[in-house]
C-alpha atoms as a PDB file:
ATOM      1  CA  MET A   1     -72.579-208.478  91.272  1.00  0.00           C
ATOM      2  CA  GLU A   2     -73.341-208.638  87.554  1.00  0.00           C
ATOM      3  CA  LEU A   3     -73.099-212.107  86.091  1.00  0.00           C
ATOM      4  CA  LYS A   4     -73.768-213.051  82.485  1.00  0.00           C
ATOM      5  CA  PHE A   5     -75.391-216.439  82.043  1.00  0.00           C
ATOM      6  CA  THR A   6     -77.482-218.518  79.690  1.00  0.00           C
ATOM      7  CA  LYS A   7     -80.504-220.474  80.848  1.00  0.00           C
ATOM      8  CA  MET A   8     -81.225-223.653  78.922  1.00  0.00           C
ATOM      9  CA  HIS A   9     -83.704-226.509  79.159  1.00  0.00           C
ATOM     10  CA  GLY A  10     -82.957-230.137  78.360  1.00  0.00           C
ATOM     11  CA  LEU A  11     -85.437-233.004  78.669  1.00  0.00           C
ATOM     12  CA  GLY A  12     -87.330-231.500  81.596  1.00  0.00           C
ATOM     13  CA  ASN A  13     -84.352-230.029  83.454  1.00  0.00           C
ATOM     14  CA  ASP A  14     -83.265-226.412  83.462  1.00  0.00           C
ATOM     15  CA  PHE A  15     -79.710-225.183  83.741  1.00  0.00           C
ATOM     16  CA  VAL A  16     -77.966-221.884  84.346  1.00  0.00           C
ATOM     17  CA  ILE A  17     -74.751-221.909  82.330  1.00  0.00           C
ATOM     18  CA  ILE A  18     -71.896-219.512  83.076  1.00  0.00           C
ATOM     19  CA  ASP A  19     -69.002-219.205  80.650  1.00  0.00           C
ATOM     20  CA  ASN A  20     -66.021-218.660  82.917  1.00  0.00           C
ATOM     21  CA  ARG A  21     -63.253-219.616  80.486  1.00  0.00           C
ATOM     22  CA  ASP A  22     -61.709-216.180  81.045  1.00  0.00           C
ATOM     23  CA  GLY A  23     -61.604-216.780  84.825  1.00  0.00           C
ATOM     24  CA  ALA A  24     -63.359-213.477  85.556  1.00  0.00           C
ATOM     25  CA  ASN A  25     -65.993-214.943  87.905  1.00  0.00           C
ATOM     26  CA  SER A  26     -65.614-216.666  91.225  1.00  0.00           C
ATOM     27  CA  VAL A  27     -68.409-219.158  91.827  1.00  0.00           C
ATOM     28  CA  THR A  28     -68.892-220.171  95.459  1.00  0.00           C
ATOM     29  CA  ARG A  29     -71.344-222.580  97.076  1.00  0.00           C
ATOM     30  CA  ALA A  30     -73.265-219.585  98.410  1.00  0.00           C
ATOM     31  CA  ASN A  31     -73.452-218.090  94.885  1.00  0.00           C
ATOM     32  CA  VAL A  32     -74.743-221.382  93.501  1.00  0.00           C
ATOM     33  CA  ARG A  33     -77.447-221.640  96.179  1.00  0.00           C
ATOM     34  CA  ALA A  34     -78.540-218.033  95.580  1.00  0.00           C
ATOM     35  CA  ILE A  35     -78.697-218.392  91.790  1.00  0.00           C
ATOM     36  CA  ALA A  36     -80.468-221.783  91.930  1.00  0.00           C
ATOM     37  CA  ASP A  37     -83.147-220.525  94.348  1.00  0.00           C
ATOM     38  CA  ARG A  38     -86.433-220.504  92.419  1.00  0.00           C
ATOM     39  CA  ARG A  39     -88.006-217.800  94.596  1.00  0.00           C
ATOM     40  CA  ARG A  40     -85.180-215.291  94.926  1.00  0.00           C
ATOM     41  CA  GLY A  41     -82.720-216.248  92.197  1.00  0.00           C
ATOM     42  CA  VAL A  42     -82.869-217.362  88.580  1.00  0.00           C
ATOM     43  CA  GLY A  43     -83.831-220.896  89.559  1.00  0.00           C
ATOM     44  CA  CYS A  44     -82.369-224.068  88.100  1.00  0.00           C
ATOM     45  CA  ASP A  45     -81.904-227.782  88.591  1.00  0.00           C
ATOM     46  CA  GLN A  46     -78.157-227.385  88.175  1.00  0.00           C
ATOM     47  CA  LEU A  47     -75.650-224.604  87.592  1.00  0.00           C
ATOM     48  CA  ILE A  48     -72.940-225.290  85.030  1.00  0.00           C
ATOM     49  CA  VAL A  49     -69.637-223.410  84.949  1.00  0.00           C
ATOM     50  CA  MET A  50     -67.614-223.666  81.757  1.00  0.00           C
ATOM     51  CA  GLU A  51     -63.882-223.391  82.420  1.00  0.00           C
ATOM     52  CA  THR A  52     -60.754-223.598  80.312  1.00  0.00           C
ATOM     53  CA  ALA A  53     -59.893-227.213  79.601  1.00  0.00           C
ATOM     54  CA  PRO A  54     -56.801-228.399  81.498  1.00  0.00           C
ATOM     55  CA  THR A  55     -55.417-230.082  78.356  1.00  0.00           C
ATOM     56  CA  ASP A  56     -55.655-229.648  74.587  1.00  0.00           C
ATOM     57  CA  VAL A  57     -57.737-232.826  74.345  1.00  0.00           C
ATOM     58  CA  ALA A  58     -60.989-230.920  75.095  1.00  0.00           C
ATOM     59  CA  ASP A  59     -62.440-227.541  74.198  1.00  0.00           C
ATOM     60  CA  VAL A  60     -63.949-226.847  77.614  1.00  0.00           C
ATOM     61  CA  PHE A  61     -64.167-228.238  81.158  1.00  0.00           C
ATOM     62  CA  MET A  62     -67.580-228.296  82.850  1.00  0.00           C
ATOM     63  CA  ARG A  63     -68.169-228.006  86.566  1.00  0.00           C
ATOM     64  CA  ILE A  64     -71.668-229.097  87.537  1.00  0.00           C
ATOM     65  CA  PHE A  65     -73.252-227.805  90.722  1.00  0.00           C
ATOM     66  CA  ASN A  66     -76.455-228.971  92.402  1.00  0.00           C
ATOM     67  CA  PRO A  67     -78.867-226.361  93.857  1.00  0.00           C
ATOM     68  CA  ASP A  68     -77.430-226.922  97.357  1.00  0.00           C
ATOM     69  CA  GLY A  69     -73.974-225.878  96.138  1.00  0.00           C
ATOM     70  CA  SER A  70     -72.463-229.353  96.085  1.00  0.00           C
ATOM     71  CA  GLU A  71     -70.576-230.454  92.981  1.00  0.00           C
ATOM     72  CA  SER A  72     -71.846-233.261  90.777  1.00  0.00           C
ATOM     73  CA  GLY A  73     -69.682-235.606  88.724  1.00  0.00           C
ATOM     74  CA  ALA A  74     -71.770-235.690  85.552  1.00  0.00           C
ATOM     75  CA  CYS A  75     -75.064-234.770  83.927  1.00  0.00           C
ATOM     76  CA  GLY A  76     -76.018-235.897  80.442  1.00  0.00           C
ATOM     77  CA  ASN A  77     -78.733-233.260  79.926  1.00  0.00           C
ATOM     78  CA  ALA A  78     -76.374-230.457  80.956  1.00  0.00           C
ATOM     79  CA  THR A  79     -73.654-231.816  78.677  1.00  0.00           C
ATOM     80  CA  ARG A  80     -76.073-231.729  75.728  1.00  0.00           C
ATOM     81  CA  CYS A  81     -76.998-228.116  76.533  1.00  0.00           C
ATOM     82  CA  VAL A  82     -73.377-226.981  76.778  1.00  0.00           C
ATOM     83  CA  ALA A  83     -72.483-228.809  73.560  1.00  0.00           C
ATOM     84  CA  SER A  84     -75.226-227.010  71.652  1.00  0.00           C
END
């Protein structure tokens, strides 16, 4: 599977960011674990998926995943990276 991503660093954390606003990629917990693995994958503290915002109030919706595949509610460093 080919997957385009950006890797960014923010205040000591590293993030893999996937722009999925077109809905072309399906990100599963297993995918997140594989990508976040520092020995076999890209390696990251968190994986961020950018999605189409559900309303016109925002430009993008962020889903934040921990290396174990679980979803996180927020991350300030990741938000700064995505905003830049």
